[in-house]
Amino acid sequence: MVLLNLIIKIILFIVYIKMPEEEGYGDKEVSTEKPKATRKGAGKLSDKQKADLKKHMDKLDMSVSEKRSHRMKMMAQMRKGHSVKKAHNAIK
């Protein structure tokens, strides 16, 4: 029994020595960069932006479907951080 254990240990040792090392094993560098932070409140307009957009929409003389389209385009631009003026110029 002791001889069998000894033979198994020798075989495992030989197999362990002859095993090819994995590429880059133990050489991995830990990244110190922080993941990109997502925008706070992404996809939502602040109360001020909503009020500014409402004021802008009240000034327009368009049909209902044109107003709806214009409002949706404005909201998309304002979610990106544009002001009402910049958003309006971007969709002209």
PDB file of N, CA and C in Angstrom:
ATOM      1  N   MET A   1       0.828  -1.193   0.000  1.00  0.00           N
ATOM      2  CA  MET A   1       0.000   0.000   0.000  1.00  0.00           C
ATOM      3  C   MET A   1       0.876   1.262   0.000  1.00  0.00           C
ATOM      4  N   VAL A   2       1.910   1.237   0.786  1.00  0.00           N
ATOM      5  CA  VAL A   2       2.821   2.364   0.850  1.00  0.00           C
ATOM      6  C   VAL A   2       3.525   2.535  -0.492  1.00  0.00           C
ATOM      7  N   LEU A   3       3.872   1.415  -1.095  1.00  0.00           N
ATOM      8  CA  LEU A   3       4.539   1.449  -2.399  1.00  0.00           C
ATOM      9  C   LEU A   3       3.618   2.032  -3.460  1.00  0.00           C
ATOM     10  N   LEU A   4       2.353   1.684  -3.409  1.00  0.00           N
ATOM     11  CA  LEU A   4       1.373   2.203  -4.360  1.00  0.00           C
ATOM     12  C   LEU A   4       1.213   3.712  -4.205  1.00  0.00           C
ATOM     13  N   ASN A   5       1.129   4.185  -2.970  1.00  0.00           N
ATOM     14  CA  ASN A   5       1.034   5.626  -2.704  1.00  0.00           C
ATOM     15  C   ASN A   5       2.262   6.352  -3.225  1.00  0.00           C
ATOM     16  N   LEU A   6       3.418   5.768  -3.027  1.00  0.00           N
ATOM     17  CA  LEU A   6       4.671   6.361  -3.491  1.00  0.00           C
ATOM     18  C   LEU A   6       4.708   6.447  -5.012  1.00  0.00           C
ATOM     19  N   ILE A   7       4.262   5.404  -5.683  1.00  0.00           N
ATOM     20  CA  ILE A   7       4.237   5.386  -7.153  1.00  0.00           C
ATOM     21  C   ILE A   7       3.268   6.443  -7.670  1.00  0.00           C
ATOM     22  N   ILE A   8       2.116   6.571  -7.051  1.00  0.00           N
ATOM     23  CA  ILE A   8       1.123   7.574  -7.468  1.00  0.00           C
ATOM     24  C   ILE A   8       1.678   8.975  -7.282  1.00  0.00           C
ATOM     25  N   LYS A   9       2.347   9.222  -6.167  1.00  0.00           N
ATOM     26  CA  LYS A   9       2.932  10.539  -5.927  1.00  0.00           C
ATOM     27  C   LYS A   9       4.013  10.853  -6.944  1.00  0.00           C
ATOM     28  N   ILE A  10       4.823   9.876  -7.294  1.00  0.00           N
ATOM     29  CA  ILE A  10       5.884  10.081  -8.293  1.00  0.00           C
ATOM     30  C   ILE A  10       5.271  10.386  -9.652  1.00  0.00           C
ATOM     31  N   ILE A  11       4.238   9.658 -10.033  1.00  0.00           N
ATOM     32  CA  ILE A  11       3.586   9.880 -11.333  1.00  0.00           C
ATOM     33  C   ILE A  11       2.956  11.270 -11.359  1.00  0.00           C
ATOM     34  N   LEU A  12       2.278  11.656 -10.298  1.00  0.00           N
ATOM     35  CA  LEU A  12       1.666  12.987 -10.251  1.00  0.00           C
ATOM     36  C   LEU A  12       2.721  14.081 -10.302  1.00  0.00           C
ATOM     37  N   PHE A  13       3.851  13.860  -9.651  1.00  0.00           N
ATOM     38  CA  PHE A  13       4.940  14.831  -9.668  1.00  0.00           C
ATOM     39  C   PHE A  13       5.509  14.984 -11.076  1.00  0.00           C
ATOM     40  N   ILE A  14       5.694  13.866 -11.774  1.00  0.00           N
ATOM     41  CA  ILE A  14       6.232  13.899 -13.142  1.00  0.00           C
ATOM     42  C   ILE A  14       5.240  14.597 -14.074  1.00  0.00           C
ATOM     43  N   VAL A  15       3.971  14.261 -13.935  1.00  0.00           N
ATOM     44  CA  VAL A  15       2.947  14.898 -14.780  1.00  0.00           C
ATOM     45  C   VAL A  15       2.897  16.392 -14.487  1.00  0.00           C
ATOM     46  N   TYR A  16       3.013  16.767 -13.226  1.00  0.00           N
ATOM     47  CA  TYR A  16       2.977  18.176 -12.845  1.00  0.00           C
ATOM     48  C   TYR A  16       4.165  18.934 -13.437  1.00  0.00           C
ATOM     49  N   ILE A  17       5.326  18.354 -13.425  1.00  0.00           N
ATOM     50  CA  ILE A  17       6.525  18.995 -13.959  1.00  0.00           C
ATOM     51  C   ILE A  17       6.433  19.149 -15.473  1.00  0.00           C
ATOM     52  N   LYS A  18       5.894  18.156 -16.147  1.00  0.00           N
ATOM     53  CA  LYS A  18       5.870  18.174 -17.610  1.00  0.00           C
ATOM     54  C   LYS A  18       4.664  18.907 -18.186  1.00  0.00           C
ATOM     55  N   MET A  19       3.747  19.357 -17.341  1.00  0.00           N
ATOM     56  CA  MET A  19       2.579  20.083 -17.854  1.00  0.00           C
ATOM     57  C   MET A  19       3.015  21.425 -18.413  1.00  0.00           C
ATOM     58  N   PRO A  20       2.561  21.754 -19.637  1.00  0.00           N
ATOM     59  CA  PRO A  20       2.919  23.066 -20.195  1.00  0.00           C
ATOM     60  C   PRO A  20       2.213  24.168 -19.417  1.00  0.00           C
ATOM     61  N   GLU A  21       2.949  25.237 -19.197  1.00  0.00           N
ATOM     62  CA  GLU A  21       2.361  26.351 -18.466  1.00  0.00           C
ATOM     63  C   GLU A  21       1.414  27.112 -19.376  1.00  0.00           C
ATOM     64  N   GLU A  22       0.343  27.588 -18.812  1.00  0.00           N
ATOM     65  CA  GLU A  22      -0.601  28.385 -19.577  1.00  0.00           C
ATOM     66  C   GLU A  22       0.032  29.726 -19.885  1.00  0.00           C
ATOM     67  N   GLU A  23      -0.281  30.245 -21.065  1.00  0.00           N
ATOM     68  CA  GLU A  23       0.280  31.530 -21.467  1.00  0.00           C
ATOM     69  C   GLU A  23      -0.184  32.632 -20.537  1.00  0.00           C
ATOM     70  N   GLY A  24       0.762  33.398 -20.046  1.00  0.00           N
ATOM     71  CA  GLY A  24       0.434  34.555 -19.224  1.00  0.00           C
ATOM     72  C   GLY A  24      -0.073  34.217 -17.845  1.00  0.00           C
ATOM     73  N   TYR A  25       0.054  32.962 -17.439  1.00  0.00           N
ATOM     74  CA  TYR A  25      -0.450  32.584 -16.125  1.00  0.00           C
ATOM     75  C   TYR A  25       0.342  33.312 -15.045  1.00  0.00           C
ATOM     76  N   GLY A  26      -0.345  34.030 -14.203  1.00  0.00           N
ATOM     77  CA  GLY A  26       0.291  34.746 -13.122  1.00  0.00           C
ATOM     78  C   GLY A  26       0.845  36.104 -13.530  1.00  0.00           C
ATOM     79  N   ASP A  27       0.791  36.422 -14.825  1.00  0.00           N
ATOM     80  CA  ASP A  27       1.335  37.688 -15.310  1.00  0.00           C
ATOM     81  C   ASP A  27       0.258  38.736 -15.539  1.00  0.00           C
ATOM     82  N   LYS A  28      -0.941  38.447 -15.130  1.00  0.00           N
ATOM     83  CA  LYS A  28      -2.029  39.389 -15.379  1.00  0.00           C
ATOM     84  C   LYS A  28      -1.850  40.640 -14.542  1.00  0.00           C
ATOM     85  N   GLU A  29      -2.046  41.775 -15.183  1.00  0.00           N
ATOM     86  CA  GLU A  29      -1.965  43.042 -14.473  1.00  0.00           C
ATOM     87  C   GLU A  29      -3.364  43.472 -14.084  1.00  0.00           C
ATOM     88  N   VAL A  30      -3.487  43.962 -12.916  1.00  0.00           N
ATOM     89  CA  VAL A  30      -4.783  44.425 -12.435  1.00  0.00           C
ATOM     90  C   VAL A  30      -4.992  45.844 -12.936  1.00  0.00           C
ATOM     91  N   SER A  31      -6.120  46.063 -13.598  1.00  0.00           N
ATOM     92  CA  SER A  31      -6.422  47.382 -14.135  1.00  0.00           C
ATOM     93  C   SER A  31      -6.802  48.325 -13.007  1.00  0.00           C
ATOM     94  N   THR A  32      -6.186  49.504 -13.006  1.00  0.00           N
ATOM     95  CA  THR A  32      -6.500  50.488 -11.978  1.00  0.00           C
ATOM     96  C   THR A  32      -7.523  51.503 -12.469  1.00  0.00           C
ATOM     97  N   GLU A  33      -7.926  51.393 -13.733  1.00  0.00           N
ATOM     98  CA  GLU A  33      -8.912  52.324 -14.277  1.00  0.00           C
ATOM     99  C   GLU A  33     -10.282  52.006 -13.717  1.00  0.00           C
ATOM    100  N   LYS A  34     -11.014  53.050 -13.399  1.00  0.00           N
ATOM    101  CA  LYS A  34     -12.371  52.868 -12.918  1.00  0.00           C
ATOM    102  C   LYS A  34     -13.293  52.733 -14.129  1.00  0.00           C
ATOM    103  N   PRO A  35     -14.346  51.944 -14.015  1.00  0.00           N
ATOM    104  CA  PRO A  35     -15.288  51.854 -15.129  1.00  0.00           C
ATOM    105  C   PRO A  35     -15.976  53.200 -15.348  1.00  0.00           C
ATOM    106  N   LYS A  36     -16.390  53.425 -16.583  1.00  0.00           N
ATOM    107  CA  LYS A  36     -17.049  54.689 -16.902  1.00  0.00           C
ATOM    108  C   LYS A  36     -18.309  54.848 -16.067  1.00  0.00           C
ATOM    109  N   ALA A  37     -18.458  56.007 -15.498  1.00  0.00           N
ATOM    110  CA  ALA A  37     -19.654  56.286 -14.709  1.00  0.00           C
ATOM    111  C   ALA A  37     -20.786  56.663 -15.655  1.00  0.00           C
ATOM    112  N   THR A  38     -21.941  56.125 -15.392  1.00  0.00           N
ATOM    113  CA  THR A  38     -23.089  56.479 -16.217  1.00  0.00           C
ATOM    114  C   THR A  38     -23.590  57.850 -15.800  1.00  0.00           C
ATOM    115  N   ARG A  39     -24.250  58.506 -16.719  1.00  0.00           N
ATOM    116  CA  ARG A  39     -24.769  59.832 -16.403  1.00  0.00           C
ATOM    117  C   ARG A  39     -25.832  59.720 -15.326  1.00  0.00           C
ATOM    118  N   LYS A  40     -25.802  60.642 -14.398  1.00  0.00           N
ATOM    119  CA  LYS A  40     -26.797  60.650 -13.337  1.00  0.00           C
ATOM    120  C   LYS A  40     -28.143  61.065 -13.927  1.00  0.00           C
ATOM    121  N   GLY A  41     -29.155  60.262 -13.711  1.00  0.00           N
ATOM    122  CA  GLY A  41     -30.491  60.583 -14.209  1.00  0.00           C
ATOM    123  C   GLY A  41     -30.581  60.502 -15.725  1.00  0.00           C
ATOM    124  N   ALA A  42     -29.785  59.634 -16.329  1.00  0.00           N
ATOM    125  CA  ALA A  42     -29.787  59.520 -17.790  1.00  0.00           C
ATOM    126  C   ALA A  42     -31.184  59.145 -18.262  1.00  0.00           C
ATOM    127  N   GLY A  43     -31.658  59.841 -19.274  1.00  0.00           N
ATOM    128  CA  GLY A  43     -32.963  59.538 -19.839  1.00  0.00           C
ATOM    129  C   GLY A  43     -34.103  60.315 -19.211  1.00  0.00           C
ATOM    130  N   LYS A  44     -33.800  61.170 -18.265  1.00  0.00           N
ATOM    131  CA  LYS A  44     -34.867  61.937 -17.620  1.00  0.00           C
ATOM    132  C   LYS A  44     -34.528  63.417 -17.695  1.00  0.00           C
ATOM    133  N   LEU A  45     -35.568  64.226 -17.822  1.00  0.00           N
ATOM    134  CA  LEU A  45     -35.386  65.672 -17.836  1.00  0.00           C
ATOM    135  C   LEU A  45     -35.623  66.218 -16.439  1.00  0.00           C
ATOM    136  N   SER A  46     -34.864  67.225 -16.084  1.00  0.00           N
ATOM    137  CA  SER A  46     -35.076  67.880 -14.789  1.00  0.00           C
ATOM    138  C   SER A  46     -36.342  68.718 -14.871  1.00  0.00           C
ATOM    139  N   ASP A  47     -36.807  69.170 -13.722  1.00  0.00           N
ATOM    140  CA  ASP A  47     -38.017  70.003 -13.680  1.00  0.00           C
ATOM    141  C   ASP A  47     -37.806  71.306 -14.442  1.00  0.00           C
ATOM    142  N   LYS A  48     -36.602  71.870 -14.350  1.00  0.00           N
ATOM    143  CA  LYS A  48     -36.298  73.114 -15.074  1.00  0.00           C
ATOM    144  C   LYS A  48     -36.348  72.876 -16.582  1.00  0.00           C
ATOM    145  N   GLN A  49     -35.771  71.758 -17.019  1.00  0.00           N
ATOM    146  CA  GLN A  49     -35.798  71.449 -18.449  1.00  0.00           C
ATOM    147  C   GLN A  49     -37.232  71.254 -18.936  1.00  0.00           C
ATOM    148  N   LYS A  50     -38.041  70.583 -18.129  1.00  0.00           N
ATOM    149  CA  LYS A  50     -39.443  70.376 -18.506  1.00  0.00           C
ATOM    150  C   LYS A  50     -40.172  71.703 -18.638  1.00  0.00           C
ATOM    151  N   ALA A  51     -39.938  72.604 -17.689  1.00  0.00           N
ATOM    152  CA  ALA A  51     -40.594  73.909 -17.714  1.00  0.00           C
ATOM    153  C   ALA A  51     -40.136  74.710 -18.926  1.00  0.00           C
ATOM    154  N   ASP A  52     -38.823  74.691 -19.215  1.00  0.00           N
ATOM    155  CA  ASP A  52     -38.299  75.410 -20.381  1.00  0.00           C
ATOM    156  C   ASP A  52     -38.871  74.848 -21.674  1.00  0.00           C
ATOM    157  N   LEU A  53     -38.979  73.524 -21.753  1.00  0.00           N
ATOM    158  CA  LEU A  53     -39.524  72.890 -22.959  1.00  0.00           C
ATOM    159  C   LEU A  53     -40.998  73.248 -23.126  1.00  0.00           C
ATOM    160  N   LYS A  54     -41.746  73.270 -22.033  1.00  0.00           N
ATOM    161  CA  LYS A  54     -43.173  73.629 -22.112  1.00  0.00           C
ATOM    162  C   LYS A  54     -43.333  75.061 -22.600  1.00  0.00           C
ATOM    163  N   LYS A  55     -42.507  75.965 -22.067  1.00  0.00           N
ATOM    164  CA  LYS A  55     -42.559  77.368 -22.491  1.00  0.00           C
ATOM    165  C   LYS A  55     -42.243  77.476 -23.989  1.00  0.00           C
ATOM    166  N   HIS A  56     -41.249  76.716 -24.434  1.00  0.00           N
ATOM    167  CA  HIS A  56     -40.861  76.723 -25.846  1.00  0.00           C
ATOM    168  C   HIS A  56     -42.003  76.198 -26.717  1.00  0.00           C
ATOM    169  N   MET A  57     -42.639  75.123 -26.273  1.00  0.00           N
ATOM    170  CA  MET A  57     -43.701  74.512 -27.068  1.00  0.00           C
ATOM    171  C   MET A  57     -44.921  75.426 -27.147  1.00  0.00           C
ATOM    172  N   ASP A  58     -45.190  76.198 -26.093  1.00  0.00           N
ATOM    173  CA  ASP A  58     -46.333  77.108 -26.093  1.00  0.00           C
ATOM    174  C   ASP A  58     -46.163  78.214 -27.137  1.00  0.00           C
ATOM    175  N   LYS A  59     -44.924  78.573 -27.447  1.00  0.00           N
ATOM    176  CA  LYS A  59     -44.658  79.640 -28.411  1.00  0.00           C
ATOM    177  C   LYS A  59     -44.864  79.193 -29.854  1.00  0.00           C
ATOM    178  N   LEU A  60     -44.820  77.885 -30.113  1.00  0.00           N
ATOM    179  CA  LEU A  60     -44.852  77.387 -31.488  1.00  0.00           C
ATOM    180  C   LEU A  60     -46.254  77.405 -32.069  1.00  0.00           C
ATOM    181  N   ASP A  61     -46.316  77.650 -33.369  1.00  0.00           N
ATOM    182  CA  ASP A  61     -47.583  77.626 -34.100  1.00  0.00           C
ATOM    183  C   ASP A  61     -47.504  76.478 -35.100  1.00  0.00           C
ATOM    184  N   MET A  62     -47.825  75.282 -34.621  1.00  0.00           N
ATOM    185  CA  MET A  62     -47.751  74.088 -35.457  1.00  0.00           C
ATOM    186  C   MET A  62     -49.005  73.263 -35.247  1.00  0.00           C
ATOM    187  N   SER A  63     -49.215  72.297 -36.148  1.00  0.00           N
ATOM    188  CA  SER A  63     -50.326  71.370 -35.955  1.00  0.00           C
ATOM    189  C   SER A  63     -49.993  70.436 -34.794  1.00  0.00           C
ATOM    190  N   VAL A  64     -50.963  69.695 -34.331  1.00  0.00           N
ATOM    191  CA  VAL A  64     -50.775  68.809 -33.190  1.00  0.00           C
ATOM    192  C   VAL A  64     -49.703  67.756 -33.484  1.00  0.00           C
ATOM    193  N   SER A  65     -49.763  67.143 -34.651  1.00  0.00           N
ATOM    194  CA  SER A  65     -48.788  66.093 -34.969  1.00  0.00           C
ATOM    195  C   SER A  65     -47.381  66.681 -35.141  1.00  0.00           C
ATOM    196  N   GLU A  66     -47.280  67.894 -35.693  1.00  0.00           N
ATOM    197  CA  GLU A  66     -45.967  68.546 -35.831  1.00  0.00           C
ATOM    198  C   GLU A  66     -45.403  68.894 -34.454  1.00  0.00           C
ATOM    199  N   LYS A  67     -46.270  69.384 -33.552  1.00  0.00           N
ATOM    200  CA  LYS A  67     -45.821  69.709 -32.194  1.00  0.00           C
ATOM    201  C   LYS A  67     -45.305  68.465 -31.474  1.00  0.00           C
ATOM    202  N   ARG A  68     -46.040  67.361 -31.631  1.00  0.00           N
ATOM    203  CA  ARG A  68     -45.643  66.121 -30.972  1.00  0.00           C
ATOM    204  C   ARG A  68     -44.271  65.673 -31.480  1.00  0.00           C
ATOM    205  N   SER A  69     -44.099  65.713 -32.776  1.00  0.00           N
ATOM    206  CA  SER A  69     -42.820  65.319 -33.365  1.00  0.00           C
ATOM    207  C   SER A  69     -41.697  66.240 -32.895  1.00  0.00           C
ATOM    208  N   HIS A  70     -41.969  67.530 -32.898  1.00  0.00           N
ATOM    209  CA  HIS A  70     -40.978  68.519 -32.490  1.00  0.00           C
ATOM    210  C   HIS A  70     -40.606  68.324 -31.011  1.00  0.00           C
ATOM    211  N   ARG A  71     -41.622  68.084 -30.173  1.00  0.00           N
ATOM    212  CA  ARG A  71     -41.373  67.887 -28.743  1.00  0.00           C
ATOM    213  C   ARG A  71     -40.514  66.650 -28.496  1.00  0.00           C
ATOM    214  N   MET A  72     -40.797  65.571 -29.208  1.00  0.00           N
ATOM    215  CA  MET A  72     -40.025  64.339 -29.028  1.00  0.00           C
ATOM    216  C   MET A  72     -38.566  64.535 -29.461  1.00  0.00           C
ATOM    217  N   LYS A  73     -38.357  65.234 -30.554  1.00  0.00           N
ATOM    218  CA  LYS A  73     -36.993  65.513 -31.013  1.00  0.00           C
ATOM    219  C   LYS A  73     -36.261  66.406 -30.019  1.00  0.00           C
ATOM    220  N   MET A  74     -36.976  67.405 -29.485  1.00  0.00           N
ATOM    221  CA  MET A  74     -36.380  68.307 -28.502  1.00  0.00           C
ATOM    222  C   MET A  74     -35.995  67.542 -27.234  1.00  0.00           C
ATOM    223  N   MET A  75     -36.881  66.676 -26.782  1.00  0.00           N
ATOM    224  CA  MET A  75     -36.597  65.902 -25.575  1.00  0.00           C
ATOM    225  C   MET A  75     -35.370  65.019 -25.764  1.00  0.00           C
ATOM    226  N   ALA A  76     -35.240  64.419 -26.930  1.00  0.00           N
ATOM    227  CA  ALA A  76     -34.079  63.564 -27.208  1.00  0.00           C
ATOM    228  C   ALA A  76     -32.790  64.370 -27.111  1.00  0.00           C
ATOM    229  N   GLN A  77     -32.798  65.577 -27.655  1.00  0.00           N
ATOM    230  CA  GLN A  77     -31.603  66.424 -27.604  1.00  0.00           C
ATOM    231  C   GLN A  77     -31.340  66.926 -26.188  1.00  0.00           C
ATOM    232  N   MET A  78     -32.397  67.260 -25.476  1.00  0.00           N
ATOM    233  CA  MET A  78     -32.236  67.798 -24.121  1.00  0.00           C
ATOM    234  C   MET A  78     -31.748  66.725 -23.151  1.00  0.00           C
ATOM    235  N   ARG A  79     -32.079  65.454 -23.405  1.00  0.00           N
ATOM    236  CA  ARG A  79     -31.559  64.365 -22.572  1.00  0.00           C
ATOM    237  C   ARG A  79     -30.051  64.243 -22.722  1.00  0.00           C
ATOM    238  N   LYS A  80     -29.547  64.677 -23.860  1.00  0.00           N
ATOM    239  CA  LYS A  80     -28.099  64.653 -24.097  1.00  0.00           C
ATOM    240  C   LYS A  80     -27.397  65.814 -23.408  1.00  0.00           C
ATOM    241  N   GLY A  81     -28.179  66.727 -22.833  1.00  0.00           N
ATOM    242  CA  GLY A  81     -27.595  67.834 -22.099  1.00  0.00           C
ATOM    243  C   GLY A  81     -27.681  69.167 -22.824  1.00  0.00           C
ATOM    244  N   HIS A  82     -28.346  69.219 -23.977  1.00  0.00           N
ATOM    245  CA  HIS A  82     -28.468  70.474 -24.717  1.00  0.00           C
ATOM    246  C   HIS A  82     -29.494  71.385 -24.056  1.00  0.00           C
ATOM    247  N   SER A  83     -29.304  72.677 -24.226  1.00  0.00           N
ATOM    248  CA  SER A  83     -30.295  73.639 -23.766  1.00  0.00           C
ATOM    249  C   SER A  83     -31.423  73.661 -24.798  1.00  0.00           C
ATOM    250  N   VAL A  84     -32.492  74.391 -24.487  1.00  0.00           N
ATOM    251  CA  VAL A  84     -33.624  74.475 -25.424  1.00  0.00           C
ATOM    252  C   VAL A  84     -33.158  75.075 -26.750  1.00  0.00           C
ATOM    253  N   LYS A  85     -32.356  76.141 -26.667  1.00  0.00           N
ATOM    254  CA  LYS A  85     -31.880  76.814 -27.885  1.00  0.00           C
ATOM    255  C   LYS A  85     -31.011  75.884 -28.714  1.00  0.00           C
ATOM    256  N   LYS A  86     -30.058  75.202 -28.067  1.00  0.00           N
ATOM    257  CA  LYS A  86     -29.172  74.279 -28.793  1.00  0.00           C
ATOM    258  C   LYS A  86     -29.972  73.124 -29.388  1.00  0.00           C
ATOM    259  N   ALA A  87     -30.910  72.589 -28.621  1.00  0.00           N
ATOM    260  CA  ALA A  87     -31.729  71.459 -29.083  1.00  0.00           C
ATOM    261  C   ALA A  87     -32.553  71.886 -30.292  1.00  0.00           C
ATOM    262  N   HIS A  88     -33.129  73.090 -30.235  1.00  0.00           N
ATOM    263  CA  HIS A  88     -33.945  73.578 -31.336  1.00  0.00           C
ATOM    264  C   HIS A  88     -33.100  73.767 -32.601  1.00  0.00           C
ATOM    265  N   ASN A  89     -31.905  74.316 -32.440  1.00  0.00           N
ATOM    266  CA  ASN A  89     -31.024  74.509 -33.600  1.00  0.00           C
ATOM    267  C   ASN A  89     -30.540  73.165 -34.156  1.00  0.00           C
ATOM    268  N   ALA A  90     -30.386  72.165 -33.310  1.00  0.00           N
ATOM    269  CA  ALA A  90     -29.895  70.859 -33.760  1.00  0.00           C
ATOM    270  C   ALA A  90     -30.916  70.125 -34.621  1.00  0.00           C
ATOM    271  N   ILE A  91     -32.205  70.379 -34.377  1.00  0.00           N
ATOM    272  CA  ILE A  91     -33.228  69.628 -35.136  1.00  0.00           C
ATOM    273  C   ILE A  91     -33.805  70.422 -36.289  1.00  0.00           C
ATOM    274  N   LYS A  92     -33.367  71.639 -36.488  1.00  0.00           N
ATOM    275  CA  LYS A  92     -33.884  72.433 -37.603  1.00  0.00           C
ATOM    276  C   LYS A  92     -33.560  71.773 -38.922  1.00  0.00           C
TER     277      LYS A  92
END
